[in-house]
């Protein structure tokens, strides 16, 4: 008898690194957007501390955009136009602290 051995070759899909990084960032952002963080206090002049902290963190105050994944998504604090208003948002504070 002749037996034939066939080998199955599987190629695992490996996403680009920026997709994986964005996924972690968006998970942290989704956690920070929950209603439990609505009442986190942002104290007097703390927006300046948040600004300084955001400059040292990998994603800053906003998660990175990945083309094709973020279409149509606008987080609660992305609607604000003024950058200082973003730093006063308790959800931004939580996102920064989760990154740290």
Protein backbone atom coordinates (compact mmCIF):
# COMPACT_ATOMS: atom_id res chain seq x y z
CA UNK A 1 0.00 0.00 0.00
CA UNK A 2 1.11 3.50 -0.76
CA UNK A 3 0.14 6.11 1.76
CA UNK A 4 0.14 9.74 0.94
CA UNK A 5 0.93 12.24 3.59
CA UNK A 6 -0.52 15.62 3.01
CA UNK A 7 0.65 18.46 5.06
CA UNK A 8 -1.70 21.25 5.90
CA UNK A 9 -0.07 24.61 5.97
CA UNK A 10 -1.75 27.25 8.06
CA UNK A 11 -0.83 30.85 7.72
CA UNK A 12 -1.77 32.85 10.75
CA UNK A 13 -2.94 36.36 10.09
CA UNK A 14 -0.80 38.86 11.91
CA UNK A 15 -2.28 42.34 12.05
CA UNK A 16 0.00 45.33 11.67
CA UNK A 17 1.41 46.53 15.02
CA UNK A 18 -0.58 49.77 14.91
CA UNK A 19 -3.85 47.79 14.90
CA UNK A 20 -2.88 45.93 18.06
CA UNK A 21 -1.75 49.14 19.73
CA UNK A 22 -4.96 50.89 18.74
CA UNK A 23 -7.00 47.99 20.12
CA UNK A 24 -5.41 48.36 23.56
CA UNK A 25 -5.82 52.11 23.42
CA UNK A 26 -9.48 51.85 22.42
CA UNK A 27 -10.14 49.33 25.19
CA UNK A 28 -8.74 51.76 27.76
CA UNK A 29 -10.72 54.57 26.17
CA UNK A 30 -13.94 52.54 26.29
CA UNK A 31 -13.35 51.83 29.98
CA UNK A 32 -12.75 55.51 30.70
CA UNK A 33 -15.98 56.49 28.91
CA UNK A 34 -18.23 54.46 31.25
CA UNK A 35 -20.71 56.25 33.48
CA UNK A 36 -18.83 55.24 36.63
CA UNK A 37 -16.28 57.94 35.81
CA UNK A 38 -18.84 60.72 35.29
CA UNK A 39 -18.25 62.13 38.75
CA UNK A 40 -14.45 61.89 38.98
CA UNK A 41 -13.37 65.32 40.17
CA UNK A 42 -11.06 67.43 38.04
CA UNK A 43 -9.69 69.88 40.53
CA UNK A 44 -8.57 73.48 40.12
CA UNK A 45 -5.68 73.75 37.61
CA UNK A 46 -5.63 69.97 37.19
CA UNK A 47 -6.17 70.41 33.45
CA UNK A 48 -2.59 71.67 33.32
CA UNK A 49 -1.38 68.51 35.04
CA UNK A 50 -3.49 66.43 32.65
CA UNK A 51 -1.93 68.29 29.70
CA UNK A 52 1.60 67.58 30.97
CA UNK A 53 0.73 63.95 31.65
CA UNK A 54 -0.79 63.50 28.19
CA UNK A 55 2.49 64.60 26.60
CA UNK A 56 4.39 61.80 28.37
CA UNK A 57 1.95 58.98 27.59
CA UNK A 58 1.93 56.86 24.45
CA UNK A 59 -1.51 57.94 23.21
CA UNK A 60 -2.06 61.28 24.90
CA UNK A 61 -5.63 62.41 25.43
CA UNK A 62 -7.07 60.60 22.39
CA UNK A 63 -6.65 57.04 21.17
CA UNK A 64 -4.77 56.65 17.88
CA UNK A 65 -6.78 56.43 14.69
CA UNK A 66 -6.48 53.41 12.45
CA UNK A 67 -7.96 53.84 9.01
CA UNK A 68 -11.03 51.70 8.50
CA UNK A 69 -11.52 50.93 12.20
CA UNK A 70 -12.56 54.30 13.58
CA UNK A 71 -14.99 55.39 10.93
CA UNK A 72 -18.06 56.98 12.49
CA UNK A 73 -16.87 56.63 16.08
CA UNK A 74 -16.75 59.82 18.05
CA UNK A 75 -16.14 59.50 21.76
CA UNK A 76 -17.91 61.73 24.23
CA UNK A 77 -14.98 64.12 24.68
CA UNK A 78 -13.95 64.13 21.01
CA UNK A 79 -17.00 66.29 20.28
CA UNK A 80 -15.49 69.16 22.20
CA UNK A 81 -13.57 71.55 20.05
CA UNK A 82 -11.39 73.31 22.63
CA UNK A 83 -8.37 71.30 23.82
CA UNK A 84 -8.58 72.79 27.33
CA UNK A 85 -12.18 71.56 27.59
CA UNK A 86 -10.98 68.04 26.82
CA UNK A 87 -8.51 68.22 29.70
CA UNK A 88 -11.32 69.26 32.07
CA UNK A 89 -13.40 66.18 31.20
CA UNK A 90 -13.32 63.50 33.94
CA UNK A 91 -13.31 60.80 31.24
CA UNK A 92 -10.10 62.23 29.77
CA UNK A 93 -8.55 62.22 33.23
CA UNK A 94 -9.47 58.55 33.64
CA UNK A 95 -8.11 57.67 30.19
CA UNK A 96 -4.80 59.34 31.03
CA UNK A 97 -4.60 57.60 34.41
CA UNK A 98 -5.39 54.20 32.87
CA UNK A 99 -2.51 54.70 30.44
CA UNK A 100 -0.13 55.70 33.21
